[in-house]
Protein backbone atom coordinates (compact mmCIF):
# COMPACT_ATOMS: atom_id res chain seq x y z
CA MET A 1 -0.18 0.02 0.04
CA HIS A 2 1.16 3.45 -0.80
CA PHE A 3 0.37 6.72 0.99
CA ASP A 4 1.97 9.90 0.69
CA ILE A 5 1.34 12.57 3.23
CA LYS A 6 3.12 15.34 1.39
CA GLU A 7 0.93 14.59 -1.61
CA HIS A 8 -2.18 15.50 0.24
CA ILE A 9 -0.38 18.53 2.22
CA ASP A 10 0.52 19.81 -1.09
CA LYS A 11 -3.02 19.93 -3.02
CA ASN A 12 -4.75 20.72 0.17
CA LYS A 13 -5.52 23.95 1.82
CA MET A 14 -3.89 24.28 5.28
CA THR A 15 -6.03 23.31 7.84
CA ARG A 16 -6.55 24.26 11.22
CA LEU A 17 -4.27 21.72 12.80
CA GLN A 18 -1.90 22.54 10.53
CA TYR A 19 -1.82 26.34 11.25
CA ALA A 20 -2.05 25.44 15.23
CA THR A 21 1.01 23.33 14.62
CA VAL A 22 2.85 26.37 12.93
CA PHE A 23 1.79 28.64 15.67
CA VAL A 24 3.09 26.60 18.30
CA CYS A 25 6.32 26.33 16.79
CA LEU A 26 6.45 30.21 16.30
CA VAL A 27 5.84 30.77 20.01
CA MET A 28 8.84 28.04 20.65
CA ASN A 29 11.00 29.92 18.62
CA MET A 30 9.88 33.41 20.75
CA LEU A 31 10.85 31.78 23.83
CA ASP A 32 14.23 30.86 22.39
CA GLY A 33 14.91 34.03 20.96
CA MET A 34 14.18 35.24 24.76
CA ASP A 35 16.51 32.83 26.22
CA VAL A 36 19.12 33.45 23.90
CA MET A 37 19.09 37.37 24.26
CA VAL A 38 18.24 37.24 28.21
CA ILE A 39 22.11 37.13 28.85
CA SER A 40 22.89 39.95 26.29
CA TYR A 41 20.63 42.43 27.63
CA THR A 42 21.95 41.60 31.33
CA ALA A 43 25.46 41.49 30.53
CA PRO A 44 26.12 45.18 31.27
CA ALA A 45 24.40 44.86 34.60
CA ILE A 46 26.25 41.77 35.40
CA ALA A 47 29.70 43.05 34.60
CA LYS A 48 28.90 46.26 36.78
CA ALA A 49 28.22 44.19 39.59
CA TRP A 50 30.93 41.56 39.61
CA SER A 51 33.49 43.75 37.83
CA THR A 52 33.54 41.22 35.18
CA THR A 53 36.07 41.57 31.92
CA PRO A 54 34.96 41.53 28.77
CA SER A 55 36.61 38.31 27.64
CA ALA A 56 35.07 36.58 30.92
CA LEU A 57 31.74 37.76 29.27
CA GLY A 58 32.49 36.23 26.16
CA ILE A 59 33.31 32.69 27.76
CA VAL A 60 29.70 33.16 29.23
CA PHE A 61 28.10 33.82 25.86
CA SER A 62 30.22 30.86 24.04
CA ALA A 63 29.08 28.48 26.72
CA GLY A 64 25.54 28.91 25.81
CA LEU A 65 26.34 28.74 22.31
CA LEU A 66 28.25 25.48 23.15
CA GLY A 67 25.52 23.99 24.85
CA MET A 68 23.22 24.76 21.78
CA THR A 69 25.81 23.20 19.21
CA ILE A 70 25.53 20.06 21.51
CA GLY A 71 21.87 20.26 21.56
CA ALA A 72 21.66 20.61 17.97
CA MET A 73 24.09 17.99 16.91
CA PHE A 74 23.36 15.24 19.51
CA LEU A 75 19.92 15.89 21.26
CA ALA A 76 17.92 17.18 18.05
CA PRO A 77 18.58 14.08 15.82
CA ARG A 78 16.81 12.00 18.88
CA ALA A 79 13.47 13.25 17.38
CA ASP A 80 14.21 11.38 14.28
CA VAL A 81 13.81 8.22 16.78
CA ILE A 82 11.35 9.57 19.36
CA GLY A 83 9.58 11.94 17.82
CA ARG A 84 9.60 15.60 17.42
CA LYS A 85 6.95 16.64 19.84
CA LYS A 86 8.36 14.53 22.69
CA MET A 87 11.80 16.60 21.75
CA ILE A 88 10.28 19.56 21.48
CA LEU A 89 8.79 19.26 25.39
CA VAL A 90 12.04 17.94 26.71
CA CYS A 91 13.63 20.82 25.44
CA ALA A 92 11.28 23.22 26.85
CA MET A 93 11.59 21.59 30.22
CA VAL A 94 15.48 21.65 30.18
CA MET A 95 15.10 25.49 28.93
CA GLY A 96 12.65 26.57 31.60
CA ILE A 97 14.13 25.15 34.43
CA SER A 98 17.92 26.39 33.77
CA ILE A 99 16.91 29.58 32.92
CA PHE A 100 15.57 30.15 36.14
CA CYS A 101 18.19 28.80 38.14
CA THR A 102 20.61 31.41 36.34
CA ALA A 103 18.94 33.93 38.50
CA PHE A 104 20.24 32.52 41.56
CA ALA A 105 24.14 32.13 40.02
CA GLN A 106 26.59 33.63 42.50
CA ASN A 107 29.55 33.76 40.68
CA ILE A 108 30.61 33.41 36.92
CA ASN A 109 31.30 29.78 36.98
CA TYR A 110 27.51 29.29 37.90
CA LEU A 111 26.49 31.44 35.33
CA ILE A 112 28.60 29.45 32.68
CA PHE A 113 27.27 26.03 33.95
CA PHE A 114 23.41 27.17 33.58
CA ARG A 115 23.88 29.03 30.60
CA PHE A 116 25.59 25.63 28.89
CA ILE A 117 22.70 23.86 30.17
CA SER A 118 19.81 25.94 28.93
CA GLY A 119 21.79 26.16 25.55
CA ILE A 120 21.35 22.26 25.05
CA GLY A 121 17.67 22.84 25.38
CA ILE A 122 17.95 25.84 22.89
CA GLY A 123 19.76 24.21 20.08
CA ALA A 124 17.46 21.11 20.11
CA MET A 125 14.43 22.99 20.10
CA LEU A 126 15.48 25.09 17.09
CA ALA A 127 16.09 22.15 14.94
CA SER A 128 12.85 20.28 15.65
CA THR A 129 10.75 23.26 15.31
CA ALA A 130 12.00 24.01 11.76
CA THR A 131 11.56 20.18 10.97
CA LEU A 132 8.16 19.82 12.32
CA THR A 133 7.32 23.11 10.19
CA SER A 134 8.46 21.88 6.95
CA GLU A 135 6.76 18.66 7.41
CA TYR A 136 3.28 20.35 7.73
CA THR A 137 3.48 22.85 5.16
CA PRO A 138 2.80 22.83 1.35
CA ASN A 139 5.98 22.39 -0.86
CA LYS A 140 5.27 25.92 -2.58
CA THR A 141 5.08 27.81 0.71
CA LYS A 142 7.20 25.61 3.09
CA ASP A 143 10.51 28.13 2.80
CA PHE A 144 8.22 30.87 3.76
CA TRP A 145 6.58 29.14 6.72
CA VAL A 146 9.87 27.64 8.03
CA SER A 147 11.44 31.19 7.73
CA PHE A 148 8.13 32.64 9.54
CA VAL A 149 8.52 30.15 12.41
CA VAL A 150 12.08 30.85 12.97
CA ALA A 151 11.22 34.66 13.01
CA GLY A 152 9.63 34.12 16.15
CA TYR A 153 13.34 34.11 17.60
CA PRO A 154 13.72 37.75 17.01
CA VAL A 155 10.38 38.64 17.97
CA GLY A 156 11.08 36.95 21.33
CA ALA A 157 14.20 38.92 21.75
CA VAL A 158 12.44 42.09 21.04
CA LEU A 159 9.66 41.67 23.52
CA SER A 160 12.13 40.29 25.95
CA GLY A 161 14.41 43.54 25.33
CA LEU A 162 11.71 45.90 26.07
CA ALA A 163 10.90 44.15 29.10
CA ALA A 164 14.63 44.01 30.07
CA ALA A 165 15.18 47.59 29.49
CA LYS A 166 12.36 48.50 32.20
CA VAL A 167 13.01 45.21 34.73
CA ILE A 168 16.98 45.39 34.90
CA PRO A 169 17.30 48.99 36.20
CA GLN A 170 14.53 48.59 38.46
CA MET A 171 14.61 45.11 39.85
CA GLY A 172 18.10 43.84 38.64
CA TRP A 173 19.47 41.45 36.39
CA ALA A 174 18.48 37.92 38.29
CA THR A 175 14.73 39.22 38.14
CA MET A 176 15.08 39.20 34.18
CA PHE A 177 16.15 35.50 34.41
CA GLN A 178 13.15 34.67 36.82
CA LEU A 179 10.81 36.17 34.29
CA ALA A 180 12.21 34.40 31.36
CA GLY A 181 12.55 31.03 33.22
CA PHE A 182 8.88 31.31 34.42
CA VAL A 183 7.16 32.09 30.82
CA THR A 184 9.10 29.22 29.11
CA THR A 185 7.76 26.78 31.68
CA LEU A 186 4.40 28.31 31.05
CA ALA A 187 4.61 26.88 27.27
CA ILE A 188 4.64 23.12 28.30
CA PRO A 189 0.98 22.54 28.56
CA LEU A 190 0.59 24.59 25.28
CA ILE A 191 3.07 22.09 23.59
CA TYR A 192 1.27 19.00 24.96
CA PHE A 193 -2.25 20.22 24.23
CA PHE A 194 -1.83 21.50 20.96
CA LEU A 195 1.00 20.59 19.08
CA SER A 196 0.79 17.39 16.58
CA GLU A 197 3.37 15.07 16.06
CA SER A 198 4.65 14.58 12.59
CA VAL A 199 2.76 12.52 10.00
CA ASP A 200 5.93 11.60 8.20
CA PHE A 201 7.50 10.32 11.62
CA TYR A 202 4.75 8.08 12.39
CA LEU A 203 4.73 6.63 8.90
CA LYS A 204 8.53 6.03 8.71
CA ALA A 205 9.48 5.29 12.23
CA LYS A 206 6.05 3.47 13.29
CA PRO A 207 6.34 3.70 17.05
CA LYS A 208 3.50 2.14 19.17
CA ASN A 209 -0.09 3.14 18.46
CA ALA A 210 1.17 4.76 14.99
CA LEU A 211 -1.76 3.81 12.94
CA MET A 212 -4.37 4.97 15.45
CA ASN A 213 -2.37 8.55 16.23
CA VAL A 214 -1.65 9.11 12.21
CA ASN A 215 -5.65 8.55 11.44
CA THR A 216 -6.52 11.04 14.37
CA ILE A 217 -4.33 13.39 12.55
CA LEU A 218 -5.87 12.57 9.34
CA SER A 219 -9.11 13.06 10.58
CA LYS A 220 -8.56 16.63 11.89
CA MET A 221 -6.96 17.35 8.81
CA SER A 222 -9.98 15.89 6.37
CA ILE A 223 -8.05 13.06 4.86
CA ALA A 224 -9.22 9.75 4.41
CA THR A 225 -8.07 7.45 7.33
CA LEU A 226 -5.84 4.21 6.76
CA GLU A 227 -6.72 0.51 7.35
CA ALA A 228 -2.84 -0.12 7.83
CA LEU A 229 0.50 1.45 8.13
CA PRO A 230 2.11 1.69 4.18
CA ASP A 231 4.68 -0.62 3.72
CA ARG A 232 8.31 0.01 4.59
CA GLU A 233 10.08 1.74 1.89
CA HIS A 234 13.46 0.25 1.01
CA HIS A 235 15.54 3.07 2.66
CA LYS A 236 15.96 2.38 6.49
CA ASN A 237 15.22 5.18 9.16
CA ASP A 238 19.02 6.12 9.44
CA SER A 239 19.38 9.38 11.95
CA SER A 240 23.31 8.97 12.01
CA VAL A 241 25.65 11.60 10.77
CA SER A 242 26.91 9.17 8.28
CA SER A 243 23.56 9.52 6.17
CA LEU A 244 24.21 13.33 5.89
CA LEU A 245 27.93 12.09 4.10
CA THR A 246 26.73 9.58 1.42
CA PRO A 247 27.57 10.61 -2.22
CA GLU A 248 24.14 12.52 -2.70
CA PHE A 249 24.63 14.74 0.37
CA LYS A 250 28.13 15.21 1.14
CA LEU A 251 29.19 18.06 -0.84
CA PRO A 252 26.31 20.38 -0.36
CA THR A 253 26.29 19.27 3.38
CA LEU A 254 29.67 20.46 3.93
CA GLN A 255 28.84 23.68 1.91
CA LEU A 256 26.02 24.37 4.08
CA TRP A 257 27.89 23.68 7.43
CA GLY A 258 30.32 26.09 6.06
CA GLY A 259 27.83 28.87 5.27
CA LEU A 260 26.39 28.30 8.30
CA PHE A 261 29.46 28.52 10.14
CA MET A 262 30.67 31.85 8.98
CA ALA A 263 26.66 33.12 9.31
CA PHE A 264 26.68 32.10 12.76
CA ALA A 265 30.35 33.77 13.83
CA THR A 266 28.53 37.08 12.68
CA LEU A 267 25.35 36.88 14.03
CA TYR A 268 26.05 35.76 17.48
CA PHE A 269 29.09 38.38 17.68
CA LEU A 270 26.39 41.00 16.69
CA THR A 271 23.64 39.64 19.17
CA ASN A 272 25.83 39.18 22.10
CA TRP A 273 28.00 42.17 21.82
CA ILE A 274 25.75 45.33 20.35
CA PRO A 275 24.53 46.13 23.80
CA LYS A 276 27.83 46.07 25.52
CA LEU A 277 29.61 47.97 22.78
CA ALA A 278 26.87 50.76 22.37
CA SER A 279 27.05 50.80 26.29
CA ASN A 280 30.96 51.30 25.75
CA ALA A 281 30.35 53.85 23.37
CA GLY A 282 28.41 56.04 26.08
CA LEU A 283 25.04 55.18 25.68
CA SER A 284 22.72 54.72 28.96
CA MET A 285 22.11 51.05 29.64
CA GLU A 286 18.49 51.70 28.59
CA LEU A 287 19.64 52.96 25.33
CA ALA A 288 22.07 50.27 24.76
CA ILE A 289 19.59 47.54 25.56
CA TYR A 290 17.24 49.32 22.93
CA ALA A 291 20.01 49.08 20.37
CA GLY A 292 19.76 45.29 20.57
CA THR A 293 16.01 45.30 20.19
CA VAL A 294 16.43 47.62 17.32
CA PHE A 295 18.63 45.08 15.75
CA ASN A 296 16.02 42.04 16.19
CA MET A 297 13.01 43.97 15.00
CA GLY A 298 15.11 44.40 11.64
CA ALA A 299 15.66 40.56 12.37
CA PHE A 300 11.75 39.98 12.00
CA VAL A 301 11.33 42.17 9.08
CA GLY A 302 14.07 40.60 7.35
CA ILE A 303 13.01 36.91 7.77
CA VAL A 304 9.56 37.51 6.64
CA THR A 305 10.80 39.47 3.70
CA GLN A 306 13.59 36.58 3.03
CA GLY A 307 10.78 33.98 3.09
CA TYR A 308 8.95 35.89 0.64
CA PHE A 309 11.61 36.45 -1.61
CA SER A 310 12.98 32.92 -1.39
CA SER A 311 9.58 31.47 -2.56
CA ILE A 312 9.70 33.71 -6.01
CA TYR A 313 13.49 33.79 -6.85
CA GLY A 314 14.86 30.88 -4.70
CA LEU A 315 16.52 30.28 -1.19
CA LYS A 316 20.45 30.20 -2.61
CA ARG A 317 20.23 33.60 -4.52
CA THR A 318 17.82 35.35 -1.93
CA ILE A 319 20.17 34.58 0.95
CA GLY A 320 23.31 35.12 -0.51
CA ILE A 321 22.13 38.49 -1.65
CA PHE A 322 21.27 39.15 2.28
CA LEU A 323 24.33 38.27 3.35
CA LEU A 324 26.55 40.01 1.19
CA MET A 325 24.23 43.12 1.84
CA THR A 326 25.07 42.60 5.65
CA ALA A 327 28.81 42.38 4.84
CA PHE A 328 28.73 45.63 2.74
CA LEU A 329 27.00 47.51 5.64
CA MET A 330 29.20 46.11 8.22
CA ALA A 331 32.39 47.21 6.10
CA ILE A 332 31.13 50.76 6.20
CA PHE A 333 29.65 51.01 9.37
CA GLY A 334 32.27 53.59 10.42
CA LEU A 335 30.72 56.07 8.14
CA PHE A 336 27.34 56.18 10.38
CA SER A 337 29.59 55.95 13.71
CA GLY A 338 28.13 58.66 16.42
CA SER A 339 25.54 59.70 14.13
CA SER A 340 21.60 59.76 14.22
CA TRP A 341 21.60 56.77 11.38
CA LEU A 342 22.96 54.54 14.18
CA LEU A 343 20.10 52.74 15.19
CA VAL A 344 18.69 52.27 11.74
CA ILE A 345 22.20 50.65 10.58
CA PHE A 346 21.55 48.37 13.45
CA GLY A 347 17.89 47.63 12.33
CA LEU A 348 19.37 46.96 8.71
CA LEU A 349 22.28 44.39 10.06
CA GLY A 350 19.41 42.55 11.99
CA PHE A 351 17.33 42.75 8.60
CA GLY A 352 20.25 41.20 6.47
CA ILE A 353 22.28 38.93 8.81
CA GLN A 354 19.25 37.06 10.21
CA GLY A 355 17.27 37.09 7.26
CA GLY A 356 20.01 35.37 5.49
CA PHE A 357 20.96 33.02 8.06
CA VAL A 358 17.30 32.13 8.86
CA GLY A 359 16.87 31.06 5.41
CA LEU A 360 19.88 28.50 5.74
CA TYR A 361 17.36 26.98 8.05
CA ALA A 362 14.79 26.32 5.26
CA VAL A 363 17.67 25.01 2.94
CA ALA A 364 18.67 22.38 5.58
CA ALA A 365 14.94 21.41 6.18
CA ARG A 366 14.56 21.05 1.93
CA MET A 367 18.07 19.39 1.50
CA TYR A 368 17.29 16.19 3.59
CA PRO A 369 14.60 13.25 3.64
CA THR A 370 12.28 12.86 6.62
CA GLU A 371 14.14 9.56 7.81
CA PHE A 372 17.12 11.74 8.88
CA ARG A 373 16.00 15.62 8.31
CA ASN A 374 15.89 16.30 11.99
CA THR A 375 19.56 14.75 12.19
CA GLY A 376 20.58 16.76 9.16
CA VAL A 377 19.20 20.15 10.36
CA GLY A 378 20.50 19.54 13.75
CA TRP A 379 24.04 19.19 12.83
CA ALA A 380 23.56 21.88 10.08
CA MET A 381 22.45 24.00 12.95
CA GLY A 382 25.43 22.50 15.55
CA SER A 383 28.04 23.04 12.75
CA GLY A 384 26.80 26.67 12.37
CA ARG A 385 26.89 27.19 16.06
CA LEU A 386 30.47 26.22 16.27
CA GLY A 387 31.02 29.65 14.46
CA GLY A 388 28.91 31.17 17.04
CA ILE A 389 31.12 30.26 19.99
CA VAL A 390 34.40 31.51 17.89
CA GLY A 391 32.32 34.95 17.29
CA PRO A 392 31.72 36.17 20.69
CA MET A 393 34.91 34.75 22.19
CA LEU A 394 36.67 36.65 19.42
CA GLY A 395 34.86 39.83 19.85
CA GLY A 396 35.36 39.50 23.39
CA ILE A 397 39.39 39.51 23.22
CA LEU A 398 39.35 42.03 20.46
CA ILE A 399 37.33 44.48 22.46
CA GLU A 400 39.49 43.71 25.35
CA MET A 401 42.62 44.43 23.00
CA GLY A 402 40.78 48.00 22.47
CA LEU A 403 39.35 47.69 19.11
CA THR A 404 36.63 50.23 18.31
CA MET A 405 33.03 49.05 17.25
CA THR A 406 33.93 50.36 13.90
CA ALA A 407 37.03 47.90 13.64
CA ASN A 408 35.16 44.96 15.00
CA PHE A 409 32.26 45.19 12.47
CA LEU A 410 35.07 45.38 9.52
CA VAL A 411 36.56 42.22 10.92
CA PHE A 412 33.26 40.17 10.91
CA ALA A 413 32.14 41.74 7.58
CA VAL A 414 34.43 39.15 6.31
CA PRO A 415 32.97 35.82 7.29
CA ALA A 416 29.49 37.30 6.63
CA ALA A 417 30.72 37.73 2.70
CA ILE A 418 31.78 34.34 2.74
CA ALA A 419 28.59 32.77 4.06
CA GLY A 420 26.73 34.56 1.04
CA ILE A 421 29.32 33.41 -1.40
CA MET A 422 29.04 29.75 -0.19
CA THR A 423 25.11 29.79 -0.24
CA MET A 424 24.95 31.03 -3.56
CA TYR A 425 27.22 28.12 -5.22
CA LEU A 426 25.37 25.53 -2.95
CA SER A 427 25.24 22.39 -4.93
CA SER A 428 22.43 20.70 -3.74
CA LYS A 429 19.32 19.80 -6.65
CA ARG A 430 16.93 20.19 -3.86
CA VAL A 431 17.15 23.24 -3.10
CA SER A 432 16.33 26.26 -5.56
């Protein structure tokens, strides 16, 4: 018996269940954005309270990114075995508890530990939500919906930035972590009751009660139910990394990893250090936080815009242009230093770098089949986050050496340009 859920999804209009799945994934990425950026917003206050050096803060930033790398590369692939929904539930619990506990850190070592643990949950969450969204949306609009869901990340960063600008000066940095952890934990019932597991996962992995669960979902999507599960196809459900390095996937996989490494290095330098650099430049703590907020507001617009243009002109060309535009703006940043255009430039940088790097999530979701899609997306994000680890640490060293904001931006324009070029020449035939 043959049954392909993708055929039904592609030819029918999206149903309430599909929109609900997209919405829950969007919310979880909003929480991801909040949980990632809370350390950046609190960094100036922590540095002042503990007399912490920039290089020490760089280690804290990178500890979170190391956790995200491990979560994306080693925890996220387990979703190909246990399911996307279960993985998202696990990640939400890890994130909520560890972020809340961060409020009680007494020194830099505790801060590094809690950021590492929360990073594990954040890294696996992003991979799982991107994968699940790609499996529930029509092929012709898949790139838009994956980008839209990941756009929740900067939305969460913006909202938490607005809150941080008020909470931190009045109530202290620890309160911000308590609020972030509490809000993340509140999302667990939303996942349990409203998020649907991937039909593709049930059909390919065939866990216990798969037929009953598939038919429940099909009924909600107004698709005829099945009397039995389709026969297994000849390929096996291989969730190991070796599946990404077979002859068909090896070259595009390495190209994708390289592009993400460079894009993440630039992105996480910007997201982690913009508030601190703005503070060093003489802005008040509140205005320094708003600088990061404007960056993420631009990011949301950039991600949605990129998703729209990718559906028309193709992912590779659109993403490449976004990243090359970012590199150009970073290279000429010094022309605007100290001017009233500074916040506009921060917004445009968010527009370009986030729009570009989020598009690479859609590339990963398209490049790999269901059997190892979560593995492919997870390892792509994980390899990128290795660049994210290098970026903030290198930024901390350069700042401590006395390099200005302009000089730092010029240095990090190089990896942004390399990422754009690598994406334009990605060799996968599965990606437009």
